[in-house]
């Protein structure tokens, strides 16, 4: 029988020796964690998350955090009187909106998360994809079918990008120096244009480039559910394609799973979709027999 550890106890220094056998197989490897959703606005959830990240670093794993901030960007745009428009869940981003997004993501949110990790005893450093030319972006292209003519038409999303290339040297240097990188999903195309990137997509690209042991997508749902609302704990790319075809998965879960598939097919060992509102969700995934989310592996 698989031994189950209480994740609440794992964050206490005197019990680390008990947890070490669980961590040792991942020593020296990277965990990429996308932190987002409504858990970002909950101080208790943020505190739990920071403690988990510091624990991972303390036992020899190299955590890399990528954070979102869509609601916070929306709130700031509303405060400034700027109206938002979305296409397939992506915010249409003009130059003014891009500047606000960078201010919120690389500024307030990034440094707040760095502060939470520092309070938990870790050494975090806040950066974005622009720093050290870590992530090279390219403009996202989308098409939309005209309801009258049924002809596919190009949709200009403005300064919305996706990762084209990732240079992991900055991340490896920081991790080897004992630091925890906290990354805002902002990057440049190398020609002076700054792009806002979906945080899930950014995390997936970084996890693939690092050959990470795990990619964690912390969100606001327990994971992938079947049609009877039961949690699906293990999925392969073929399973995901079938579930898309029969309508079991839809909406915002589709791009998250596509990110997971791209990451594991690109070199990440496995990806997990977890409920970030659950205290110590990442630890539950590792140290309980059932797990705490949906694991995607190649």
C-alpha atoms as a PDB file:
ATOM      1  CA  UNK A   1       0.000   0.000   0.000  1.00  0.00           C
ATOM      2  CA  UNK A   2       1.283   3.462  -0.917  1.00  0.00           C
ATOM      3  CA  UNK A   3       2.089   5.518   2.141  1.00  0.00           C
ATOM      4  CA  UNK A   4       0.186   8.795   2.428  1.00  0.00           C
ATOM      5  CA  UNK A   5       1.788  11.833   4.038  1.00  0.00           C
ATOM      6  CA  UNK A   6      -0.128  14.763   5.476  1.00  0.00           C
ATOM      7  CA  UNK A   7       0.849  17.714   3.244  1.00  0.00           C
ATOM      8  CA  UNK A   8       0.220  20.116   6.113  1.00  0.00           C
ATOM      9  CA  UNK A   9       3.079  18.411   7.977  1.00  0.00           C
ATOM     10  CA  UNK A  10       5.464  18.519   5.040  1.00  0.00           C
ATOM     11  CA  UNK A  11       6.052  22.241   5.431  1.00  0.00           C
ATOM     12  CA  UNK A  12       7.422  21.777   8.949  1.00  0.00           C
ATOM     13  CA  UNK A  13      11.208  21.526   9.080  1.00  0.00           C
ATOM     14  CA  UNK A  14      11.230  18.665  11.565  1.00  0.00           C
ATOM     15  CA  UNK A  15       9.356  16.401   9.137  1.00  0.00           C
ATOM     16  CA  UNK A  16      11.496  17.035   6.048  1.00  0.00           C
ATOM     17  CA  UNK A  17      13.565  13.933   6.724  1.00  0.00           C
ATOM     18  CA  UNK A  18      10.377  11.871   6.427  1.00  0.00           C
ATOM     19  CA  UNK A  19       9.592  13.432   3.057  1.00  0.00           C
ATOM     20  CA  UNK A  20      13.074  13.113   1.539  1.00  0.00           C
ATOM     21  CA  UNK A  21      12.571   9.670  -0.057  1.00  0.00           C
ATOM     22  CA  UNK A  22       9.653  11.095  -2.026  1.00  0.00           C
ATOM     23  CA  UNK A  23      11.723  14.001  -3.313  1.00  0.00           C
ATOM     24  CA  UNK A  24      15.040  12.280  -4.011  1.00  0.00           C
ATOM     25  CA  UNK A  25      14.035  10.922  -7.409  1.00  0.00           C
ATOM     26  CA  UNK A  26      13.510  14.532  -8.561  1.00  0.00           C
ATOM     27  CA  UNK A  27      16.622  16.080  -6.990  1.00  0.00           C
ATOM     28  CA  UNK A  28      18.315  18.411  -9.440  1.00  0.00           C
ATOM     29  CA  UNK A  29      15.355  18.426 -11.809  1.00  0.00           C
ATOM     30  CA  UNK A  30      13.018  21.300 -12.627  1.00  0.00           C
ATOM     31  CA  UNK A  31       9.353  21.767 -11.771  1.00  0.00           C
ATOM     32  CA  UNK A  32       7.622  24.497 -13.770  1.00  0.00           C
ATOM     33  CA  UNK A  33       4.545  25.847 -11.997  1.00  0.00           C
ATOM     34  CA  UNK A  34       1.934  28.095 -13.584  1.00  0.00           C
ATOM     35  CA  UNK A  35       0.267  30.034 -10.785  1.00  0.00           C
ATOM     36  CA  UNK A  36      -2.966  31.770 -11.631  1.00  0.00           C
ATOM     37  CA  UNK A  37      -6.709  31.807 -11.242  1.00  0.00           C
ATOM     38  CA  UNK A  38      -8.592  33.233  -8.298  1.00  0.00           C
ATOM     39  CA  UNK A  39      -6.118  31.660  -5.839  1.00  0.00           C
ATOM     40  CA  UNK A  40      -3.813  34.576  -6.677  1.00  0.00           C
ATOM     41  CA  UNK A  41      -6.163  36.941  -4.872  1.00  0.00           C
ATOM     42  CA  UNK A  42      -6.341  34.871  -1.672  1.00  0.00           C
ATOM     43  CA  UNK A  43      -3.565  35.688   0.841  1.00  0.00           C
ATOM     44  CA  UNK A  44      -3.862  32.303   2.584  1.00  0.00           C
ATOM     45  CA  UNK A  45      -3.634  30.433  -0.734  1.00  0.00           C
ATOM     46  CA  UNK A  46      -0.645  32.573  -1.734  1.00  0.00           C
ATOM     47  CA  UNK A  47       1.059  31.797   1.581  1.00  0.00           C
ATOM     48  CA  UNK A  48       0.500  28.039   1.152  1.00  0.00           C
ATOM     49  CA  UNK A  49       1.766  28.199  -2.429  1.00  0.00           C
ATOM     50  CA  UNK A  50       4.919  30.086  -1.439  1.00  0.00           C
ATOM     51  CA  UNK A  51       5.668  27.592   1.353  1.00  0.00           C
ATOM     52  CA  UNK A  52       5.358  24.693  -1.094  1.00  0.00           C
ATOM     53  CA  UNK A  53       7.713  26.365  -3.581  1.00  0.00           C
ATOM     54  CA  UNK A  54      10.294  27.030  -0.855  1.00  0.00           C
ATOM     55  CA  UNK A  55      10.016  23.435   0.326  1.00  0.00           C
ATOM     56  CA  UNK A  56      10.695  22.116  -3.178  1.00  0.00           C
ATOM     57  CA  UNK A  57      13.817  24.269  -3.415  1.00  0.00           C
ATOM     58  CA  UNK A  58      14.979  23.199   0.049  1.00  0.00           C
ATOM     59  CA  UNK A  59      14.977  19.515  -0.883  1.00  0.00           C
ATOM     60  CA  UNK A  60      16.939  19.930  -4.120  1.00  0.00           C
ATOM     61  CA  UNK A  61      14.235  20.469  -6.760  1.00  0.00           C
ATOM     62  CA  UNK A  62      14.467  23.581  -8.959  1.00  0.00           C
ATOM     63  CA  UNK A  63      11.040  25.269  -9.067  1.00  0.00           C
ATOM     64  CA  UNK A  64      10.331  27.823 -11.806  1.00  0.00           C
ATOM     65  CA  UNK A  65       7.149  29.866 -11.365  1.00  0.00           C
ATOM     66  CA  UNK A  66       5.211  31.427 -14.253  1.00  0.00           C
ATOM     67  CA  UNK A  67       2.264  33.543 -13.176  1.00  0.00           C
ATOM     68  CA  UNK A  68      -0.851  34.837 -14.874  1.00  0.00           C
ATOM     69  CA  UNK A  69      -2.840  37.962 -14.130  1.00  0.00           C
ATOM     70  CA  UNK A  70      -5.791  38.257 -16.495  1.00  0.00           C
ATOM     71  CA  UNK A  71      -8.296  39.427 -13.851  1.00  0.00           C
ATOM     72  CA  UNK A  72      -5.832  41.990 -12.496  1.00  0.00           C
ATOM     73  CA  UNK A  73      -5.143  43.324 -16.008  1.00  0.00           C
ATOM     74  CA  UNK A  74      -8.884  43.530 -16.630  1.00  0.00           C
ATOM     75  CA  UNK A  75      -9.432  45.421 -13.377  1.00  0.00           C
ATOM     76  CA  UNK A  76      -6.702  47.936 -14.206  1.00  0.00           C
ATOM     77  CA  UNK A  77      -8.022  48.461 -17.743  1.00  0.00           C
ATOM     78  CA  UNK A  78     -11.508  49.044 -16.339  1.00  0.00           C
ATOM     79  CA  UNK A  79     -10.103  51.506 -13.822  1.00  0.00           C
ATOM     80  CA  UNK A  80      -8.428  53.359 -16.683  1.00  0.00           C
ATOM     81  CA  UNK A  81     -11.625  53.267 -18.761  1.00  0.00           C
ATOM     82  CA  UNK A  82     -10.213  50.934 -21.430  1.00  0.00           C
ATOM     83  CA  UNK A  83     -12.680  48.396 -22.840  1.00  0.00           C
ATOM     84  CA  UNK A  84     -11.486  44.795 -23.347  1.00  0.00           C
ATOM     85  CA  UNK A  85     -12.359  42.505 -26.258  1.00  0.00           C
ATOM     86  CA  UNK A  86     -11.615  38.772 -26.475  1.00  0.00           C
ATOM     87  CA  UNK A  87     -11.232  36.268 -29.322  1.00  0.00           C
ATOM     88  CA  UNK A  88     -11.075  32.572 -28.356  1.00  0.00           C
ATOM     89  CA  UNK A  89     -10.230  33.576 -24.783  1.00  0.00           C
ATOM     90  CA  UNK A  90      -7.350  35.847 -25.834  1.00  0.00           C
ATOM     91  CA  UNK A  91      -7.503  39.563 -25.045  1.00  0.00           C
ATOM     92  CA  UNK A  92      -7.203  41.763 -28.132  1.00  0.00           C
ATOM     93  CA  UNK A  93      -4.207  43.891 -27.173  1.00  0.00           C
ATOM     94  CA  UNK A  94      -3.419  47.273 -28.695  1.00  0.00           C
ATOM     95  CA  UNK A  95      -0.274  49.189 -27.752  1.00  0.00           C
ATOM     96  CA  UNK A  96      -1.895  50.920 -24.762  1.00  0.00           C
ATOM     97  CA  UNK A  97      -3.322  47.642 -23.453  1.00  0.00           C
ATOM     98  CA  UNK A  98       0.061  45.942 -23.898  1.00  0.00           C
ATOM     99  CA  UNK A  99       1.709  48.634 -21.786  1.00  0.00           C
ATOM    100  CA  UNK A 100      -0.873  48.175 -19.017  1.00  0.00           C
ATOM    101  CA  UNK A 101      -0.459  44.377 -19.176  1.00  0.00           C
ATOM    102  CA  UNK A 102       3.307  44.661 -18.787  1.00  0.00           C
ATOM    103  CA  UNK A 103       2.936  47.122 -15.907  1.00  0.00           C
ATOM    104  CA  UNK A 104       0.560  44.807 -14.036  1.00  0.00           C
ATOM    105  CA  UNK A 105       2.296  41.508 -14.801  1.00  0.00           C
ATOM    106  CA  UNK A 106       5.964  42.504 -14.506  1.00  0.00           C
ATOM    107  CA  UNK A 107       5.260  45.005 -11.750  1.00  0.00           C
ATOM    108  CA  UNK A 108       2.591  44.522  -9.105  1.00  0.00           C
ATOM    109  CA  UNK A 109       1.824  40.804  -9.500  1.00  0.00           C
ATOM    110  CA  UNK A 110       5.382  39.638 -10.064  1.00  0.00           C
ATOM    111  CA  UNK A 111       6.822  41.489  -7.090  1.00  0.00           C
ATOM    112  CA  UNK A 112       3.954  40.498  -4.809  1.00  0.00           C
ATOM    113  CA  UNK A 113       4.662  36.833  -5.538  1.00  0.00           C
ATOM    114  CA  UNK A 114       8.390  37.368  -5.012  1.00  0.00           C
ATOM    115  CA  UNK A 115       7.476  38.888  -1.655  1.00  0.00           C
ATOM    116  CA  UNK A 116       5.353  35.901  -0.621  1.00  0.00           C
ATOM    117  CA  UNK A 117       8.225  33.525  -1.400  1.00  0.00           C
ATOM    118  CA  UNK A 118      10.660  35.718   0.526  1.00  0.00           C
ATOM    119  CA  UNK A 119       8.303  35.716   3.510  1.00  0.00           C
ATOM    120  CA  UNK A 120       8.287  31.899   3.369  1.00  0.00           C
ATOM    121  CA  UNK A 121      12.091  31.861   3.554  1.00  0.00           C
ATOM    122  CA  UNK A 122      12.993  31.531  -0.121  1.00  0.00           C
ATOM    123  CA  UNK A 123      15.134  33.637  -2.444  1.00  0.00           C
ATOM    124  CA  UNK A 124      13.039  34.544  -5.465  1.00  0.00           C
ATOM    125  CA  UNK A 125      13.862  36.872  -8.319  1.00  0.00           C
ATOM    126  CA  UNK A 126      11.184  38.383 -10.532  1.00  0.00           C
ATOM    127  CA  UNK A 127      11.815  38.526 -14.269  1.00  0.00           C
ATOM    128  CA  UNK A 128       9.901  38.365 -17.540  1.00  0.00           C
ATOM    129  CA  UNK A 129      10.575  36.637 -20.818  1.00  0.00           C
ATOM    130  CA  UNK A 130      12.289  39.819 -21.990  1.00  0.00           C
ATOM    131  CA  UNK A 131      15.110  39.505 -19.444  1.00  0.00           C
ATOM    132  CA  UNK A 132      18.235  38.000 -20.953  1.00  0.00           C
ATOM    133  CA  UNK A 133      16.253  37.379 -24.169  1.00  0.00           C
ATOM    134  CA  UNK A 134      14.912  34.325 -22.370  1.00  0.00           C
ATOM    135  CA  UNK A 135      11.758  33.930 -24.463  1.00  0.00           C
ATOM    136  CA  UNK A 136      11.490  35.041 -28.065  1.00  0.00           C
ATOM    137  CA  UNK A 137       7.903  35.719 -29.071  1.00  0.00           C
ATOM    138  CA  UNK A 138       6.022  35.769 -32.331  1.00  0.00           C
ATOM    139  CA  UNK A 139       2.660  37.312 -33.065  1.00  0.00           C
ATOM    140  CA  UNK A 140      -0.343  35.026 -32.568  1.00  0.00           C
ATOM    141  CA  UNK A 141      -2.456  34.528 -35.680  1.00  0.00           C
ATOM    142  CA  UNK A 142      -6.094  33.510 -35.473  1.00  0.00           C
ATOM    143  CA  UNK A 143      -8.885  33.052 -37.986  1.00  0.00           C
ATOM    144  CA  UNK A 144     -12.629  33.298 -37.509  1.00  0.00           C
ATOM    145  CA  UNK A 145     -15.393  32.047 -39.775  1.00  0.00           C
ATOM    146  CA  UNK A 146     -17.718  34.747 -41.065  1.00  0.00           C
ATOM    147  CA  UNK A 147     -21.285  33.675 -40.117  1.00  0.00           C
ATOM    148  CA  UNK A 148     -22.717  34.891 -43.424  1.00  0.00           C
ATOM    149  CA  UNK A 149     -20.116  33.853 -45.994  1.00  0.00           C
ATOM    150  CA  UNK A 150     -18.637  30.963 -43.960  1.00  0.00           C
ATOM    151  CA  UNK A 151     -15.220  32.173 -45.139  1.00  0.00           C
ATOM    152  CA  UNK A 152     -12.284  32.057 -42.706  1.00  0.00           C
ATOM    153  CA  UNK A 153     -11.021  35.554 -42.014  1.00  0.00           C
ATOM    154  CA  UNK A 154      -7.837  36.628 -40.259  1.00  0.00           C
ATOM    155  CA  UNK A 155      -8.297  38.227 -36.831  1.00  0.00           C
ATOM    156  CA  UNK A 156      -5.698  40.725 -35.625  1.00  0.00           C
ATOM    157  CA  UNK A 157      -5.194  40.282 -31.873  1.00  0.00           C
ATOM    158  CA  UNK A 158      -2.636  43.055 -31.690  1.00  0.00           C
ATOM    159  CA  UNK A 159       0.281  42.496 -29.316  1.00  0.00           C
ATOM    160  CA  UNK A 160      -0.654  38.961 -28.299  1.00  0.00           C
ATOM    161  CA  UNK A 161       2.201  36.532 -28.785  1.00  0.00           C
ATOM    162  CA  UNK A 162       3.293  32.966 -28.292  1.00  0.00           C
ATOM    163  CA  UNK A 163       6.748  31.563 -27.527  1.00  0.00           C
ATOM    164  CA  UNK A 164       8.877  30.886 -30.578  1.00  0.00           C
ATOM    165  CA  UNK A 165      12.098  29.988 -28.753  1.00  0.00           C
ATOM    166  CA  UNK A 166      13.255  29.671 -25.145  1.00  0.00           C
ATOM    167  CA  UNK A 167      16.832  30.202 -23.945  1.00  0.00           C
ATOM    168  CA  UNK A 168      17.094  28.342 -20.639  1.00  0.00           C
ATOM    169  CA  UNK A 169      20.553  29.650 -19.685  1.00  0.00           C
ATOM    170  CA  UNK A 170      19.158  32.440 -17.501  1.00  0.00           C
ATOM    171  CA  UNK A 171      16.880  30.031 -15.635  1.00  0.00           C
ATOM    172  CA  UNK A 172      19.646  27.477 -15.104  1.00  0.00           C
ATOM    173  CA  UNK A 173      22.034  30.163 -13.845  1.00  0.00           C
ATOM    174  CA  UNK A 174      19.451  31.454 -11.364  1.00  0.00           C
ATOM    175  CA  UNK A 175      18.510  27.972 -10.150  1.00  0.00           C
ATOM    176  CA  UNK A 176      22.132  26.934  -9.715  1.00  0.00           C
ATOM    177  CA  UNK A 177      22.657  30.096  -7.688  1.00  0.00           C
ATOM    178  CA  UNK A 178      19.948  29.114  -5.235  1.00  0.00           C
ATOM    179  CA  UNK A 179      17.329  31.469  -6.661  1.00  0.00           C
ATOM    180  CA  UNK A 180      13.697  30.753  -7.555  1.00  0.00           C
ATOM    181  CA  UNK A 181      12.750  32.406 -10.885  1.00  0.00           C
ATOM    182  CA  UNK A 182       9.308  34.032 -10.930  1.00  0.00           C
ATOM    183  CA  UNK A 183       8.380  34.841 -14.527  1.00  0.00           C
ATOM    184  CA  UNK A 184       5.851  37.299 -15.943  1.00  0.00           C
ATOM    185  CA  UNK A 185       4.483  36.143 -19.334  1.00  0.00           C
ATOM    186  CA  UNK A 186       5.847  39.065 -21.345  1.00  0.00           C
ATOM    187  CA  UNK A 187       8.347  38.663 -24.193  1.00  0.00           C
ATOM    188  CA  UNK A 188       9.787  40.459 -27.191  1.00  0.00           C
ATOM    189  CA  UNK A 189      10.089  39.474 -30.835  1.00  0.00           C
ATOM    190  CA  UNK A 190      13.616  40.853 -31.021  1.00  0.00           C
ATOM    191  CA  UNK A 191      12.477  43.785 -33.171  1.00  0.00           C
ATOM    192  CA  UNK A 192      11.355  46.075 -30.389  1.00  0.00           C
ATOM    193  CA  UNK A 193       7.799  44.768 -30.075  1.00  0.00           C
ATOM    194  CA  UNK A 194       6.558  43.548 -26.702  1.00  0.00           C
ATOM    195  CA  UNK A 195       3.933  40.799 -26.562  1.00  0.00           C
ATOM    196  CA  UNK A 196       1.592  39.553 -23.856  1.00  0.00           C
ATOM    197  CA  UNK A 197       1.635  35.719 -23.766  1.00  0.00           C
ATOM    198  CA  UNK A 198      -0.914  33.369 -22.231  1.00  0.00           C
ATOM    199  CA  UNK A 199       0.654  32.165 -18.963  1.00  0.00           C
ATOM    200  CA  UNK A 200      -0.245  28.493 -19.548  1.00  0.00           C
ATOM    201  CA  UNK A 201       1.397  28.621 -22.975  1.00  0.00           C
ATOM    202  CA  UNK A 202       4.483  30.345 -21.553  1.00  0.00           C
ATOM    203  CA  UNK A 203       4.823  27.769 -18.772  1.00  0.00           C
ATOM    204  CA  UNK A 204       4.425  24.874 -21.207  1.00  0.00           C
ATOM    205  CA  UNK A 205       7.129  26.202 -23.531  1.00  0.00           C
ATOM    206  CA  UNK A 206       9.535  26.721 -20.621  1.00  0.00           C
ATOM    207  CA  UNK A 207       8.815  23.242 -19.219  1.00  0.00           C
ATOM    208  CA  UNK A 208       9.539  21.650 -22.595  1.00  0.00           C
ATOM    209  CA  UNK A 209      12.756  23.639 -23.085  1.00  0.00           C
ATOM    210  CA  UNK A 210      14.009  22.722 -19.598  1.00  0.00           C
ATOM    211  CA  UNK A 211      13.030  19.060 -19.956  1.00  0.00           C
ATOM    212  CA  UNK A 212      11.209  19.566 -16.659  1.00  0.00           C
ATOM    213  CA  UNK A 213      10.153  16.631 -14.521  1.00  0.00           C
ATOM    214  CA  UNK A 214       6.746  18.260 -14.037  1.00  0.00           C
ATOM    215  CA  UNK A 215       4.619  21.058 -15.381  1.00  0.00           C
ATOM    216  CA  UNK A 216       1.897  22.096 -12.928  1.00  0.00           C
ATOM    217  CA  UNK A 217      -1.019  24.195 -14.156  1.00  0.00           C
ATOM    218  CA  UNK A 218      -2.773  25.536 -11.062  1.00  0.00           C
ATOM    219  CA  UNK A 219      -6.291  26.593 -11.963  1.00  0.00           C
ATOM    220  CA  UNK A 220      -9.799  26.944 -10.510  1.00  0.00           C
ATOM    221  CA  UNK A 221     -11.080  23.420 -11.197  1.00  0.00           C
ATOM    222  CA  UNK A 222     -10.099  20.003  -9.737  1.00  0.00           C
ATOM    223  CA  UNK A 223      -8.761  18.782 -13.089  1.00  0.00           C
ATOM    224  CA  UNK A 224     -10.353  17.121 -16.114  1.00  0.00           C
ATOM    225  CA  UNK A 225     -13.788  15.677 -15.380  1.00  0.00           C
ATOM    226  CA  UNK A 226     -15.691  13.012 -17.285  1.00  0.00           C
ATOM    227  CA  UNK A 227     -19.348  13.437 -18.267  1.00  0.00           C
ATOM    228  CA  UNK A 228     -20.407  12.233 -14.811  1.00  0.00           C
ATOM    229  CA  UNK A 229     -18.209  14.893 -13.174  1.00  0.00           C
ATOM    230  CA  UNK A 230     -15.672  12.323 -11.946  1.00  0.00           C
ATOM    231  CA  UNK A 231     -11.998  13.313 -11.957  1.00  0.00           C
ATOM    232  CA  UNK A 232      -9.881  11.738 -14.706  1.00  0.00           C
ATOM    233  CA  UNK A 233      -6.521  11.186 -13.013  1.00  0.00           C
ATOM    234  CA  UNK A 234      -4.366   9.929 -15.927  1.00  0.00           C
ATOM    235  CA  UNK A 235      -4.533  10.896 -19.584  1.00  0.00           C
ATOM    236  CA  UNK A 236      -2.472  10.289 -22.724  1.00  0.00           C
ATOM    237  CA  UNK A 237      -2.581  12.523 -25.831  1.00  0.00           C
ATOM    238  CA  UNK A 238      -4.803   9.962 -27.595  1.00  0.00           C
ATOM    239  CA  UNK A 239      -7.251  10.065 -24.672  1.00  0.00           C
ATOM    240  CA  UNK A 240      -7.400  13.839 -24.879  1.00  0.00           C
ATOM    241  CA  UNK A 241      -8.148  13.754 -28.616  1.00  0.00           C
ATOM    242  CA  UNK A 242     -10.996  11.298 -27.998  1.00  0.00           C
ATOM    243  CA  UNK A 243     -12.447  13.379 -25.163  1.00  0.00           C
ATOM    244  CA  UNK A 244     -12.385  16.475 -27.375  1.00  0.00           C
ATOM    245  CA  UNK A 245     -14.169  14.639 -30.172  1.00  0.00           C
ATOM    246  CA  UNK A 246     -16.981  13.337 -27.951  1.00  0.00           C
ATOM    247  CA  UNK A 247     -17.465  16.675 -26.194  1.00  0.00           C
ATOM    248  CA  UNK A 248     -16.314  15.578 -22.740  1.00  0.00           C
ATOM    249  CA  UNK A 249     -13.811  18.427 -22.627  1.00  0.00           C
ATOM    250  CA  UNK A 250     -14.637  21.849 -23.997  1.00  0.00           C
ATOM    251  CA  UNK A 251     -14.132  25.554 -23.474  1.00  0.00           C
ATOM    252  CA  UNK A 252     -11.106  26.741 -21.527  1.00  0.00           C
ATOM    253  CA  UNK A 253      -9.967  23.217 -20.648  1.00  0.00           C
ATOM    254  CA  UNK A 254      -9.062  22.503 -24.288  1.00  0.00           C
ATOM    255  CA  UNK A 255      -6.158  25.010 -24.538  1.00  0.00           C
ATOM    256  CA  UNK A 256      -4.869  23.892 -21.124  1.00  0.00           C
ATOM    257  CA  UNK A 257      -4.729  20.275 -22.264  1.00  0.00           C
ATOM    258  CA  UNK A 258      -3.195  21.298 -25.584  1.00  0.00           C
ATOM    259  CA  UNK A 259      -0.477  23.064 -23.574  1.00  0.00           C
ATOM    260  CA  UNK A 260       0.088  19.873 -21.552  1.00  0.00           C
ATOM    261  CA  UNK A 261       0.356  17.743 -24.695  1.00  0.00           C
ATOM    262  CA  UNK A 262       2.766  20.172 -26.359  1.00  0.00           C
ATOM    263  CA  UNK A 263       4.919  20.228 -23.221  1.00  0.00           C
ATOM    264  CA  UNK A 264       5.165  16.438 -22.777  1.00  0.00           C
ATOM    265  CA  UNK A 265       5.745  15.870 -26.473  1.00  0.00           C
ATOM    266  CA  UNK A 266       8.451  18.554 -26.358  1.00  0.00           C
ATOM    267  CA  UNK A 267      10.475  17.030 -23.524  1.00  0.00           C
ATOM    268  CA  UNK A 268       8.645  17.574 -20.230  1.00  0.00           C
ATOM    269  CA  UNK A 269       8.160  14.273 -18.382  1.00  0.00           C
ATOM    270  CA  UNK A 270       4.543  14.911 -17.332  1.00  0.00           C
ATOM    271  CA  UNK A 271       2.057  17.731 -16.828  1.00  0.00           C
ATOM    272  CA  UNK A 272      -0.606  18.071 -14.147  1.00  0.00           C
ATOM    273  CA  UNK A 273      -3.757  20.200 -14.034  1.00  0.00           C
ATOM    274  CA  UNK A 274      -4.537  20.991 -10.386  1.00  0.00           C
ATOM    275  CA  UNK A 275      -6.982  23.021  -8.335  1.00  0.00           C
ATOM    276  CA  UNK A 276      -4.893  25.902  -7.013  1.00  0.00           C
ATOM    277  CA  UNK A 277      -7.564  26.704  -4.417  1.00  0.00           C
ATOM    278  CA  UNK A 278      -6.767  23.484  -2.529  1.00  0.00           C
ATOM    279  CA  UNK A 279      -4.094  24.033   0.151  1.00  0.00           C
ATOM    280  CA  UNK A 280      -0.770  22.402  -0.819  1.00  0.00           C
ATOM    281  CA  UNK A 281      -2.253  20.913  -4.001  1.00  0.00           C
ATOM    282  CA  UNK A 282       1.178  20.133  -5.485  1.00  0.00           C
ATOM    283  CA  UNK A 283       2.199  18.152  -2.421  1.00  0.00           C
ATOM    284  CA  UNK A 284      -1.072  16.242  -2.447  1.00  0.00           C
ATOM    285  CA  UNK A 285      -0.366  15.229  -6.042  1.00  0.00           C
ATOM    286  CA  UNK A 286       2.918  13.620  -5.023  1.00  0.00           C
ATOM    287  CA  UNK A 287       2.305  12.296  -1.559  1.00  0.00           C
ATOM    288  CA  UNK A 288      -1.159  10.754  -1.730  1.00  0.00           C
ATOM    289  CA  UNK A 289      -1.989   7.509  -3.495  1.00  0.00           C
ATOM    290  CA  UNK A 290      -4.842   9.027  -5.533  1.00  0.00           C
ATOM    291  CA  UNK A 291      -3.150  12.255  -6.495  1.00  0.00           C
ATOM    292  CA  UNK A 292      -4.865  15.621  -6.628  1.00  0.00           C
ATOM    293  CA  UNK A 293      -5.439  16.412 -10.284  1.00  0.00           C
ATOM    294  CA  UNK A 294      -5.177  15.165 -13.861  1.00  0.00           C
ATOM    295  CA  UNK A 295      -1.759  13.835 -14.940  1.00  0.00           C
ATOM    296  CA  UNK A 296      -0.900  14.059 -18.651  1.00  0.00           C
ATOM    297  CA  UNK A 297       2.004  11.974 -19.932  1.00  0.00           C
ATOM    298  CA  UNK A 298       3.242  10.984 -23.382  1.00  0.00           C
END
